């Protein structure tokens, strides 16, 4: 299966369970890997035959900036569902991290995998 990769997408949004985390947007780092058959797009050289990662990224950013989720798990699940709405997307791996959330750690986060149900 072919893959579309969106790496190190940095957005700012409200995420966290502590009161101070709910007051101001913080950095959220997102990585997405979408499995799809891209052979038709490779042969035709037409974006209509692929997943348009630009429009998908705009949807991901808009959601991450406005969702106001409590957990990175919930945000990751939201983003996976958005990706699987794309025609042709069969499976998605989403990693959501909060840089600097833990002292002495570069970031903390989760990685989930979801696939299209038939």
N, C-alpha and C. Protein backbone atom coordinates (compact mmCIF):
# COMPACT_ATOMS: atom_id res chain seq x y z
N UNK A 1 0.86 -1.18 0.00
CA UNK A 1 0.00 0.00 0.00
C UNK A 1 0.90 1.24 0.00
N UNK A 2 0.49 2.23 -0.75
CA UNK A 2 1.22 3.49 -0.82
C UNK A 2 0.88 4.36 0.39
N UNK A 3 1.68 5.38 0.61
CA UNK A 3 1.47 6.23 1.79
C UNK A 3 1.63 7.70 1.45
N UNK A 4 0.80 8.51 2.07
CA UNK A 4 0.96 9.96 2.06
C UNK A 4 1.40 10.34 3.47
N UNK A 5 2.44 11.15 3.57
CA UNK A 5 3.01 11.53 4.86
C UNK A 5 2.87 13.03 5.07
N UNK A 6 2.38 13.39 6.22
CA UNK A 6 2.37 14.78 6.66
C UNK A 6 3.19 14.80 7.94
N UNK A 7 4.36 15.44 7.88
CA UNK A 7 5.32 15.34 8.98
C UNK A 7 5.49 16.67 9.71
N UNK A 8 5.48 16.56 11.04
CA UNK A 8 5.80 17.68 11.92
C UNK A 8 4.96 18.93 11.67
N UNK A 9 3.66 18.74 11.57
CA UNK A 9 2.72 19.85 11.42
C UNK A 9 2.53 20.48 12.79
N UNK A 10 2.94 21.73 12.93
CA UNK A 10 2.88 22.42 14.22
C UNK A 10 1.70 23.38 14.22
N UNK A 11 0.77 23.15 15.14
CA UNK A 11 -0.41 24.01 15.28
C UNK A 11 -0.49 24.46 16.74
N UNK A 12 -1.39 25.40 17.01
CA UNK A 12 -1.61 25.86 18.38
C UNK A 12 -3.07 25.71 18.72
N UNK A 13 -3.34 25.08 19.86
CA UNK A 13 -4.72 24.87 20.27
C UNK A 13 -4.81 24.63 21.76
N UNK A 14 -6.03 24.62 22.25
CA UNK A 14 -6.30 24.33 23.65
C UNK A 14 -6.39 22.82 23.80
N UNK A 15 -5.53 22.27 24.64
CA UNK A 15 -5.55 20.83 24.91
C UNK A 15 -4.95 20.58 26.28
N UNK A 16 -5.62 19.78 27.06
CA UNK A 16 -5.11 19.45 28.39
C UNK A 16 -6.22 19.41 29.42
N UNK A 17 -5.90 18.79 30.56
CA UNK A 17 -6.90 18.62 31.61
C UNK A 17 -6.76 19.63 32.74
N UNK A 18 -5.61 20.29 32.81
CA UNK A 18 -5.38 21.26 33.88
C UNK A 18 -5.96 22.62 33.51
N UNK A 19 -6.41 23.36 34.51
CA UNK A 19 -7.00 24.67 34.27
C UNK A 19 -6.06 25.57 33.47
N UNK A 20 -4.77 25.58 33.83
CA UNK A 20 -3.83 26.46 33.15
C UNK A 20 -3.64 26.06 31.68
N UNK A 21 -3.88 24.79 31.35
CA UNK A 21 -3.77 24.35 29.96
C UNK A 21 -4.98 24.79 29.13
N UNK A 22 -6.06 25.12 29.80
CA UNK A 22 -7.30 25.50 29.12
C UNK A 22 -7.37 27.00 28.87
N UNK A 23 -6.39 27.75 29.38
CA UNK A 23 -6.42 29.21 29.28
C UNK A 23 -5.82 29.75 27.99
N UNK A 24 -4.71 29.17 27.54
CA UNK A 24 -4.00 29.68 26.36
C UNK A 24 -3.65 28.54 25.42
N UNK A 25 -3.71 28.82 24.13
CA UNK A 25 -3.29 27.79 23.16
C UNK A 25 -1.84 27.38 23.39
N UNK A 26 -1.56 26.11 23.15
CA UNK A 26 -0.19 25.62 23.26
C UNK A 26 0.17 24.86 21.99
N UNK A 27 1.46 24.62 21.82
CA UNK A 27 1.93 23.91 20.63
C UNK A 27 1.41 22.47 20.64
N UNK A 28 1.00 22.03 19.46
CA UNK A 28 0.59 20.64 19.24
C UNK A 28 1.30 20.19 17.96
N UNK A 29 2.04 19.11 18.05
CA UNK A 29 2.79 18.58 16.92
C UNK A 29 2.05 17.36 16.37
N UNK A 30 1.78 17.37 15.07
CA UNK A 30 0.97 16.32 14.45
C UNK A 30 1.74 15.66 13.31
N UNK A 31 1.71 14.34 13.30
CA UNK A 31 2.25 13.56 12.19
C UNK A 31 1.17 12.60 11.72
N UNK A 32 1.02 12.51 10.40
CA UNK A 32 -0.03 11.68 9.82
C UNK A 32 0.57 10.83 8.70
N UNK A 33 0.17 9.57 8.67
CA UNK A 33 0.56 8.65 7.61
C UNK A 33 -0.72 8.00 7.11
N UNK A 34 -1.06 8.22 5.84
CA UNK A 34 -2.29 7.68 5.27
C UNK A 34 -1.93 6.63 4.23
N UNK A 35 -2.51 5.46 4.37
CA UNK A 35 -2.31 4.41 3.38
C UNK A 35 -3.44 4.44 2.37
N UNK A 36 -3.05 4.46 1.10
CA UNK A 36 -4.02 4.49 0.01
C UNK A 36 -3.35 3.96 -1.25
N UNK A 37 -4.15 3.55 -2.21
CA UNK A 37 -3.61 3.15 -3.51
C UNK A 37 -3.43 4.41 -4.35
N UNK A 38 -2.18 4.80 -4.56
CA UNK A 38 -1.87 6.03 -5.30
C UNK A 38 -1.41 5.75 -6.72
N UNK A 39 -1.59 4.52 -7.18
CA UNK A 39 -1.09 4.15 -8.51
C UNK A 39 -1.79 4.92 -9.62
N UNK A 40 -3.09 5.15 -9.49
CA UNK A 40 -3.81 5.90 -10.52
C UNK A 40 -3.29 7.33 -10.62
N UNK A 41 -3.06 7.96 -9.47
CA UNK A 41 -2.53 9.33 -9.47
C UNK A 41 -1.12 9.36 -10.05
N UNK A 42 -0.34 8.32 -9.77
CA UNK A 42 1.01 8.24 -10.33
C UNK A 42 0.99 8.12 -11.84
N UNK A 43 0.02 7.40 -12.36
CA UNK A 43 -0.07 7.21 -13.81
C UNK A 43 -0.68 8.42 -14.50
N UNK A 44 -1.67 9.04 -13.87
CA UNK A 44 -2.38 10.15 -14.52
C UNK A 44 -1.75 11.51 -14.27
N UNK A 45 -0.98 11.64 -13.19
CA UNK A 45 -0.40 12.92 -12.79
C UNK A 45 -1.50 13.95 -12.51
N UNK A 46 -2.63 13.48 -11.98
CA UNK A 46 -3.78 14.32 -11.71
C UNK A 46 -4.13 14.24 -10.22
N UNK A 47 -4.16 15.39 -9.55
CA UNK A 47 -4.45 15.43 -8.11
C UNK A 47 -5.83 14.87 -7.80
N UNK A 48 -6.74 14.93 -8.75
CA UNK A 48 -8.08 14.39 -8.53
C UNK A 48 -8.06 12.88 -8.31
N UNK A 49 -6.98 12.22 -8.72
CA UNK A 49 -6.85 10.78 -8.55
C UNK A 49 -6.09 10.41 -7.27
N UNK A 50 -5.84 11.39 -6.44
CA UNK A 50 -5.10 11.17 -5.21
C UNK A 50 -5.85 11.80 -4.03
N UNK A 51 -5.24 11.77 -2.89
CA UNK A 51 -5.74 12.49 -1.72
C UNK A 51 -5.03 13.83 -1.71
N UNK A 52 -5.78 14.90 -1.75
CA UNK A 52 -5.18 16.23 -1.78
C UNK A 52 -4.72 16.58 -0.37
N UNK A 53 -3.42 16.42 -0.14
CA UNK A 53 -2.90 16.62 1.21
C UNK A 53 -2.94 18.09 1.64
N UNK A 54 -3.03 19.00 0.70
CA UNK A 54 -3.13 20.42 1.07
C UNK A 54 -4.50 20.71 1.70
N UNK A 55 -5.56 20.26 1.04
CA UNK A 55 -6.90 20.51 1.60
C UNK A 55 -7.11 19.70 2.88
N UNK A 56 -6.56 18.48 2.94
CA UNK A 56 -6.66 17.68 4.14
C UNK A 56 -5.94 18.37 5.30
N UNK A 57 -4.77 18.89 5.05
CA UNK A 57 -4.00 19.58 6.09
C UNK A 57 -4.76 20.79 6.61
N UNK A 58 -5.42 21.52 5.73
CA UNK A 58 -6.22 22.67 6.18
C UNK A 58 -7.33 22.22 7.12
N UNK A 59 -7.96 21.10 6.83
CA UNK A 59 -9.02 20.57 7.70
C UNK A 59 -8.45 20.14 9.05
N UNK A 60 -7.30 19.49 9.02
CA UNK A 60 -6.64 19.04 10.25
C UNK A 60 -6.28 20.24 11.12
N UNK A 61 -5.68 21.26 10.52
CA UNK A 61 -5.30 22.46 11.27
C UNK A 61 -6.53 23.12 11.88
N UNK A 62 -7.56 23.32 11.09
CA UNK A 62 -8.78 23.98 11.59
C UNK A 62 -9.35 23.21 12.77
N UNK A 63 -9.37 21.89 12.68
CA UNK A 63 -9.93 21.11 13.79
C UNK A 63 -9.03 21.18 15.02
N UNK A 64 -7.74 20.98 14.84
CA UNK A 64 -6.82 20.98 15.98
C UNK A 64 -6.82 22.33 16.71
N UNK A 65 -6.98 23.41 15.96
CA UNK A 65 -6.97 24.75 16.57
C UNK A 65 -8.27 25.08 17.28
N UNK A 66 -9.35 24.38 16.96
CA UNK A 66 -10.65 24.74 17.52
C UNK A 66 -11.30 23.66 18.38
N UNK A 67 -10.76 22.47 18.43
CA UNK A 67 -11.43 21.34 19.09
C UNK A 67 -11.49 21.47 20.61
N UNK A 68 -10.49 22.09 21.22
CA UNK A 68 -10.46 22.26 22.68
C UNK A 68 -10.64 20.93 23.41
N UNK A 69 -9.89 19.93 22.99
CA UNK A 69 -9.98 18.59 23.59
C UNK A 69 -9.21 18.55 24.92
N UNK A 70 -9.61 17.64 25.77
CA UNK A 70 -8.93 17.43 27.05
C UNK A 70 -7.69 16.56 26.88
N UNK A 71 -7.77 15.57 25.99
CA UNK A 71 -6.67 14.62 25.87
C UNK A 71 -6.12 14.57 24.44
N UNK A 72 -4.84 14.21 24.34
CA UNK A 72 -4.24 14.01 23.03
C UNK A 72 -4.86 12.78 22.36
N UNK A 73 -5.31 11.83 23.16
CA UNK A 73 -5.96 10.64 22.62
C UNK A 73 -7.22 11.02 21.83
N UNK A 74 -8.03 11.90 22.41
CA UNK A 74 -9.27 12.31 21.75
C UNK A 74 -8.97 13.10 20.48
N UNK A 75 -7.99 13.99 20.54
CA UNK A 75 -7.64 14.76 19.34
C UNK A 75 -7.11 13.84 18.25
N UNK A 76 -6.27 12.89 18.62
CA UNK A 76 -5.75 11.94 17.63
C UNK A 76 -6.89 11.16 16.97
N UNK A 77 -7.87 10.73 17.75
CA UNK A 77 -9.02 10.00 17.20
C UNK A 77 -9.82 10.88 16.24
N UNK A 78 -10.01 12.15 16.62
CA UNK A 78 -10.70 13.09 15.73
C UNK A 78 -9.98 13.20 14.39
N UNK A 79 -8.67 13.39 14.45
CA UNK A 79 -7.88 13.60 13.24
C UNK A 79 -7.86 12.34 12.37
N UNK A 80 -7.81 11.17 13.00
CA UNK A 80 -7.85 9.92 12.24
C UNK A 80 -9.18 9.81 11.49
N UNK A 81 -10.27 10.17 12.14
CA UNK A 81 -11.59 10.12 11.49
C UNK A 81 -11.66 11.08 10.31
N UNK A 82 -11.09 12.27 10.47
CA UNK A 82 -11.06 13.24 9.37
C UNK A 82 -10.30 12.66 8.17
N UNK A 83 -9.17 12.05 8.45
CA UNK A 83 -8.36 11.47 7.36
C UNK A 83 -9.10 10.34 6.65
N UNK A 84 -9.81 9.52 7.40
CA UNK A 84 -10.52 8.39 6.79
C UNK A 84 -11.76 8.81 6.02
N UNK A 85 -12.17 10.07 6.16
CA UNK A 85 -13.26 10.60 5.33
C UNK A 85 -12.81 10.82 3.89
N UNK A 86 -11.51 10.89 3.68
CA UNK A 86 -10.98 11.11 2.33
C UNK A 86 -11.20 9.88 1.47
N UNK A 87 -11.78 10.06 0.28
CA UNK A 87 -11.95 8.92 -0.62
C UNK A 87 -10.60 8.28 -0.92
N UNK A 88 -10.53 6.98 -0.81
CA UNK A 88 -9.30 6.26 -1.10
C UNK A 88 -8.45 5.98 0.12
N UNK A 89 -8.63 6.71 1.20
CA UNK A 89 -7.86 6.46 2.42
C UNK A 89 -8.33 5.15 3.03
N UNK A 90 -7.40 4.23 3.23
CA UNK A 90 -7.75 2.91 3.77
C UNK A 90 -7.35 2.76 5.23
N UNK A 91 -6.22 3.36 5.59
CA UNK A 91 -5.68 3.22 6.93
C UNK A 91 -4.92 4.50 7.26
N UNK A 92 -4.92 4.87 8.54
CA UNK A 92 -4.22 6.08 8.95
C UNK A 92 -3.51 5.85 10.26
N UNK A 93 -2.34 6.42 10.37
CA UNK A 93 -1.60 6.45 11.63
C UNK A 93 -1.44 7.92 11.99
N UNK A 94 -1.88 8.30 13.18
CA UNK A 94 -1.81 9.69 13.63
C UNK A 94 -1.03 9.75 14.93
N UNK A 95 -0.06 10.66 14.97
CA UNK A 95 0.68 10.91 16.21
C UNK A 95 0.44 12.36 16.60
N UNK A 96 0.01 12.57 17.84
CA UNK A 96 -0.22 13.90 18.38
C UNK A 96 0.68 14.05 19.60
N UNK A 97 1.46 15.13 19.61
CA UNK A 97 2.39 15.36 20.72
C UNK A 97 2.22 16.77 21.26
N UNK A 98 2.52 16.90 22.55
CA UNK A 98 2.57 18.20 23.20
C UNK A 98 4.02 18.47 23.59
N UNK A 99 4.72 19.25 22.77
CA UNK A 99 6.12 19.55 23.09
C UNK A 99 6.23 20.29 24.43
N UNK A 100 7.19 19.85 25.23
CA UNK A 100 7.44 20.54 26.49
C UNK A 100 6.41 20.29 27.57
N UNK A 101 5.53 19.33 27.39
CA UNK A 101 4.47 19.08 28.38
C UNK A 101 5.02 18.47 29.67
N UNK A 102 6.10 17.73 29.56
CA UNK A 102 6.73 17.13 30.73
C UNK A 102 8.14 17.67 30.91
N UNK A 103 8.45 17.99 32.13
CA UNK A 103 9.79 18.45 32.44
C UNK A 103 10.79 17.35 32.08
N UNK A 104 11.87 17.73 31.47
CA UNK A 104 12.96 16.84 31.05
C UNK A 104 12.62 15.98 29.83
N UNK A 105 11.44 16.17 29.23
CA UNK A 105 11.08 15.43 28.01
C UNK A 105 10.86 16.43 26.88
N UNK A 106 11.34 16.09 25.70
CA UNK A 106 11.13 16.96 24.54
C UNK A 106 9.64 17.09 24.22
N UNK A 107 8.89 15.99 24.34
CA UNK A 107 7.45 16.02 24.11
C UNK A 107 6.82 14.78 24.71
N UNK A 108 5.51 14.80 24.76
CA UNK A 108 4.74 13.63 25.19
C UNK A 108 3.55 13.53 24.24
N UNK A 109 3.14 12.31 23.94
CA UNK A 109 2.03 12.19 23.00
C UNK A 109 1.56 10.76 22.84
N UNK A 110 0.71 10.58 21.85
CA UNK A 110 0.17 9.26 21.52
C UNK A 110 0.24 9.05 20.02
N UNK A 111 0.25 7.79 19.63
CA UNK A 111 0.16 7.41 18.22
C UNK A 111 -0.91 6.34 18.11
N UNK A 112 -1.85 6.57 17.20
CA UNK A 112 -2.94 5.62 17.01
C UNK A 112 -3.01 5.21 15.55
N UNK A 113 -3.61 4.06 15.31
CA UNK A 113 -3.88 3.57 13.96
C UNK A 113 -5.36 3.26 13.86
N UNK A 114 -5.94 3.68 12.74
CA UNK A 114 -7.34 3.36 12.47
C UNK A 114 -7.44 2.98 11.00
N UNK A 115 -8.44 2.18 10.68
CA UNK A 115 -8.66 1.86 9.27
C UNK A 115 -10.12 1.95 8.93
N UNK A 116 -10.34 2.13 7.65
CA UNK A 116 -11.70 2.26 7.14
C UNK A 116 -12.45 0.96 7.39
N UNK A 117 -13.64 1.08 7.94
CA UNK A 117 -14.46 -0.11 8.11
C UNK A 117 -15.28 -0.31 6.84
N UNK A 118 -15.40 -1.54 6.42
CA UNK A 118 -16.08 -1.83 5.15
C UNK A 118 -17.57 -1.92 5.31
